[in-house]
Amino acid sequence: MGFGDLKSSSGLKVLNDFLSDRSYIEGFVPSQADVVVFDAVTTPPPADLCHALRWFRHIQSYQNQKNSLPGVCKPLGQYGPAGVADTTSSSAPAAAEDDDDFDLFGSDEEEDAEAARLKEERLAAYAAKKAKKPAVIAKSSILLDVKPWDDETDMVKLEECVRSIQMDGLVWGQSKLVPVGYGIKKLQIGCVVEDDKVGTDVLEEQITAFEDYVQSMDVAAFNKI
């Protein structure tokens, strides 16, 4: 196993192909495997190796968390596709192996600034997209039963009174007269309301205010849209 020489274009090409269908060297989260390979690459791959470059910048963003990433560091030759030997040579001086402060991720300020800029751009784009998304307006379909006092009540006038109620978030629908007995008919009328603006208690208060015509109002059906 291995990537060949990761300090050469051929080795980076092997890495790029390896990452074409993977997000990380091993598993589904950043790990010490990514740290080991990242340290061997040392500099960002060229732009035409898009998978390797994407992985490099992503792992670079974990610079301050590298020691806490899961997994155990293994030799570089134990990562990568089968059938490819590791021929990467170490360019770091031997003394650096004993340096506890040695930074596996380098300290290229320009690269760090570029990674931070890309992260900020993505966050800004996401925030803008979320802000443009229209808010969902909760609506309900309500069927009301409006009962008159008796069979002599002018039902045409009663309906006119009900429909005269106008408010933001209220749309009246179809209606019909339904017999209830003894020659008395009730007005059954539908409406669509915006839940945040119109409630059944408000409708009842305004409809029963026409006390010359309306005896009572009941909610026959209530459905969320």
Protein backbone atom coordinates (compact mmCIF):
# COMPACT_ATOMS: atom_id res chain seq x y z
CA MET A 1 0.00 0.00 0.00
CA GLY A 2 1.05 3.60 -0.50
CA PHE A 3 0.81 6.56 -2.84
CA GLY A 4 4.23 6.37 -4.45
CA ASP A 5 6.20 9.57 -3.96
CA LEU A 6 3.80 12.20 -2.56
CA LYS A 7 6.36 14.90 -3.26
CA SER A 8 6.06 14.20 -6.99
CA SER A 9 3.25 14.87 -9.45
CA SER A 10 2.75 11.15 -10.02
CA GLY A 11 2.30 10.50 -6.30
CA LEU A 12 -0.15 13.37 -5.97
CA LYS A 13 -2.07 11.96 -8.94
CA VAL A 14 -2.40 8.64 -7.09
CA LEU A 15 -3.66 10.53 -4.02
CA ASN A 16 -6.13 12.49 -6.13
CA ASP A 17 -7.55 9.32 -7.69
CA PHE A 18 -7.73 7.68 -4.26
CA LEU A 19 -9.78 10.61 -2.90
CA SER A 20 -12.11 10.84 -5.90
CA ASP A 21 -14.75 8.83 -4.03
CA ARG A 22 -13.57 9.42 -0.46
CA SER A 23 -13.65 12.37 1.91
CA TYR A 24 -10.84 11.07 4.12
CA ILE A 25 -7.88 8.68 3.97
CA GLU A 26 -9.67 6.26 6.30
CA GLY A 27 -13.27 6.14 7.47
CA PHE A 28 -15.79 8.95 7.43
CA VAL A 29 -14.23 11.52 9.77
CA PRO A 30 -10.82 13.22 9.95
CA SER A 31 -8.29 10.98 11.71
CA GLN A 32 -4.59 10.50 12.36
CA ALA A 33 -4.42 8.80 8.94
CA ASP A 34 -5.15 12.20 7.37
CA VAL A 35 -2.51 13.82 9.58
CA VAL A 36 0.18 11.36 8.44
CA VAL A 37 -0.58 11.79 4.73
CA PHE A 38 -1.03 15.56 5.08
CA ASP A 39 2.42 15.80 6.65
CA ALA A 40 3.91 13.90 3.72
CA VAL A 41 2.26 16.18 1.14
CA THR A 42 3.35 19.41 2.93
CA THR A 43 2.16 21.81 0.18
CA PRO A 44 -1.22 22.24 -1.55
CA PRO A 45 -1.66 20.04 -4.64
CA PRO A 46 -2.17 21.86 -7.97
CA ALA A 47 -5.68 22.99 -8.89
CA ASP A 48 -6.14 20.31 -11.56
CA LEU A 49 -5.95 17.67 -8.82
CA CYS A 50 -9.24 18.87 -7.38
CA HIS A 51 -9.93 15.94 -5.04
CA ALA A 52 -6.52 16.08 -3.43
CA LEU A 53 -6.66 19.88 -3.14
CA ARG A 54 -10.14 19.75 -1.57
CA TRP A 55 -8.93 17.19 0.97
CA PHE A 56 -5.73 19.16 1.70
CA ARG A 57 -7.59 22.40 2.47
CA HIS A 58 -10.17 20.58 4.55
CA ILE A 59 -7.59 18.80 6.71
CA GLN A 60 -5.62 22.03 6.96
CA SER A 61 -8.62 23.58 8.73
CA TYR A 62 -8.07 21.09 11.59
CA GLN A 63 -4.64 22.55 12.36
CA ASN A 64 -5.50 23.36 15.98
CA GLN A 65 -7.21 20.01 16.56
CA LYS A 66 -4.76 17.58 14.95
CA ASN A 67 -3.63 16.04 18.24
CA SER A 68 -7.20 15.23 19.24
CA LEU A 69 -8.21 13.56 15.99
CA PRO A 70 -9.11 9.87 16.43
CA GLY A 71 -6.97 6.93 15.35
CA VAL A 72 -3.34 5.92 15.66
CA CYS A 73 -0.53 7.15 13.44
CA LYS A 74 0.83 4.36 11.24
CA PRO A 75 3.67 4.35 8.70
CA LEU A 76 2.78 6.17 5.50
CA GLY A 77 3.11 2.93 3.53
CA GLN A 78 0.10 1.48 5.36
CA TYR A 79 -2.28 3.98 3.77
CA GLY A 80 -3.49 4.29 0.21
CA PRO A 81 -4.40 1.92 -2.62
CA ALA A 82 -3.13 -1.63 -2.71
CA GLY A 83 -0.39 -2.42 -5.19
CA VAL A 84 1.31 0.98 -4.89
CA ALA A 85 4.48 1.23 -2.82
CA ASP A 86 5.37 4.24 -0.71
CA THR A 87 8.51 5.94 -2.00
CA THR A 88 8.05 9.33 -0.34
CA SER A 89 11.30 10.63 1.11
CA SER A 90 11.33 12.73 4.25
CA SER A 91 12.55 16.28 3.74
CA ALA A 92 12.49 17.16 7.41
CA PRO A 93 15.80 17.15 9.34
CA ALA A 94 16.36 14.28 11.78
CA ALA A 95 16.40 16.62 14.76
CA ALA A 96 12.86 17.63 13.99
CA GLU A 97 11.65 14.13 14.95
CA ASP A 98 12.39 14.93 18.59
CA ASP A 99 10.82 18.37 18.50
CA ASP A 100 7.51 18.24 20.39
CA ASP A 101 6.51 21.58 18.90
CA PHE A 102 6.98 20.45 15.31
CA ASP A 103 3.88 21.51 13.34
CA LEU A 104 2.64 18.72 11.09
CA PHE A 105 0.56 21.21 9.18
CA GLY A 106 3.16 23.88 8.48
CA SER A 107 2.65 27.57 9.16
CA ASP A 108 2.06 29.10 5.77
CA GLU A 109 0.07 32.20 6.67
CA GLU A 110 -1.00 32.72 3.08
CA GLU A 111 -2.51 29.22 2.90
CA ASP A 112 -4.23 29.70 6.27
CA ALA A 113 -5.70 33.00 5.08
CA GLU A 114 -6.94 31.38 1.88
CA ALA A 115 -8.61 28.56 3.82
CA ALA A 116 -10.24 31.06 6.18
CA ARG A 117 -11.45 33.17 3.24
CA LEU A 118 -13.04 30.15 1.55
CA LYS A 119 -14.75 29.16 4.79
CA GLU A 120 -16.14 32.68 5.27
CA GLU A 121 -17.38 32.78 1.67
CA ARG A 122 -19.23 29.49 2.10
CA LEU A 123 -20.81 30.64 5.36
CA ALA A 124 -21.87 33.94 3.78
CA ALA A 125 -23.36 32.14 0.76
CA TYR A 126 -25.29 29.78 3.03
CA ALA A 127 -26.61 32.67 5.15
CA ALA A 128 -27.70 34.57 2.02
CA LYS A 129 -29.46 31.51 0.62
CA LYS A 130 -31.25 30.91 3.91
CA ALA A 131 -32.32 34.58 4.13
CA LYS A 132 -33.87 34.46 0.63
CA LYS A 133 -35.92 31.36 1.43
CA PRO A 134 -39.53 32.49 1.96
CA ALA A 135 -41.01 31.83 5.37
CA VAL A 136 -43.71 29.18 5.48
CA ILE A 137 -47.09 30.70 6.37
CA ALA A 138 -49.23 28.35 8.46
CA LYS A 139 -52.83 28.27 7.21
CA SER A 140 -56.00 26.43 8.20
CA SER A 141 -59.26 25.59 6.45
CA ILE A 142 -62.27 26.13 8.72
CA LEU A 143 -65.93 25.20 8.23
CA LEU A 144 -68.32 27.24 10.37
CA ASP A 145 -71.94 26.58 11.36
CA VAL A 146 -73.79 29.84 11.94
CA LYS A 147 -77.24 29.33 13.49
CA PRO A 148 -80.09 31.86 13.31
CA TRP A 149 -82.67 32.54 15.99
CA ASP A 150 -85.60 30.98 14.17
CA ASP A 151 -87.10 30.15 10.79
CA GLU A 152 -88.04 33.78 10.19
CA THR A 153 -84.44 35.02 10.24
CA ASP A 154 -83.35 36.50 6.90
CA MET A 155 -80.58 34.06 5.96
CA VAL A 156 -79.48 36.15 2.97
CA LYS A 157 -78.90 39.11 5.25
CA LEU A 158 -77.20 36.85 7.81
CA GLU A 159 -74.71 35.65 5.21
CA GLU A 160 -74.09 39.21 4.05
CA CYS A 161 -73.24 40.14 7.63
CA VAL A 162 -70.84 37.23 8.00
CA ARG A 163 -69.06 37.99 4.71
CA SER A 164 -68.80 41.65 5.68
CA ILE A 165 -66.18 40.62 8.22
CA GLN A 166 -62.86 41.40 6.56
CA MET A 167 -59.39 41.14 8.09
CA ASP A 168 -55.85 40.43 7.01
CA GLY A 169 -55.35 36.68 6.70
CA LEU A 170 -59.03 35.79 6.19
CA VAL A 171 -60.55 34.55 2.91
CA TRP A 172 -64.18 33.48 2.76
CA GLY A 173 -65.13 30.45 0.67
CA GLN A 174 -68.28 28.63 -0.40
CA SER A 175 -71.44 28.45 1.68
CA LYS A 176 -74.75 26.65 1.81
CA LEU A 177 -77.90 26.46 3.94
CA VAL A 178 -78.33 23.23 5.90
CA PRO A 179 -81.69 22.24 7.46
CA VAL A 180 -81.57 21.69 11.22
CA GLY A 181 -85.28 21.04 11.89
CA TYR A 182 -88.62 22.80 12.33
CA GLY A 183 -88.04 24.78 9.16
CA ILE A 184 -84.85 26.33 10.52
CA LYS A 185 -81.70 26.34 8.41
CA LYS A 186 -78.16 27.13 9.47
CA LEU A 187 -75.51 28.81 7.36
CA GLN A 188 -72.52 26.56 6.72
CA ILE A 189 -69.63 28.62 5.37
CA GLY A 190 -65.98 27.88 4.77
CA CYS A 191 -62.94 30.09 5.09
CA VAL A 192 -59.14 29.93 4.96
CA VAL A 193 -57.17 31.75 7.64
CA GLU A 194 -53.55 32.47 8.40
CA ASP A 195 -53.03 30.97 11.85
CA ASP A 196 -50.88 33.81 13.17
CA LYS A 197 -53.46 36.44 12.21
CA VAL A 198 -56.94 34.96 12.61
CA GLY A 199 -58.29 32.62 15.28
CA THR A 200 -61.67 30.96 15.75
CA ASP A 201 -62.27 33.02 18.90
CA VAL A 202 -61.96 36.23 16.87
CA LEU A 203 -64.33 34.91 14.22
CA GLU A 204 -66.88 33.86 16.83
CA GLU A 205 -66.72 37.24 18.54
CA GLN A 206 -67.31 39.17 15.34
CA ILE A 207 -69.99 36.84 13.88
CA THR A 208 -72.06 36.66 17.08
CA ALA A 209 -71.89 40.46 17.26
CA PHE A 210 -74.66 40.41 14.62
CA GLU A 211 -77.05 39.46 17.39
CA ASP A 212 -80.18 40.39 15.42
CA TYR A 213 -79.51 37.48 13.09
CA VAL A 214 -77.03 35.13 14.77
CA GLN A 215 -77.85 32.92 17.73
CA SER A 216 -74.54 31.04 17.85
CA MET A 217 -71.51 29.92 15.87
CA ASP A 218 -69.75 26.54 16.00
CA VAL A 219 -66.64 25.14 14.30
CA ALA A 220 -67.81 22.18 12.20
CA ALA A 221 -64.39 21.30 10.79
CA PHE A 222 -60.82 22.54 11.24
CA ASN A 223 -57.94 21.34 9.06
CA LYS A 224 -54.35 22.49 8.73
CA ILE A 225 -53.29 23.26 5.16
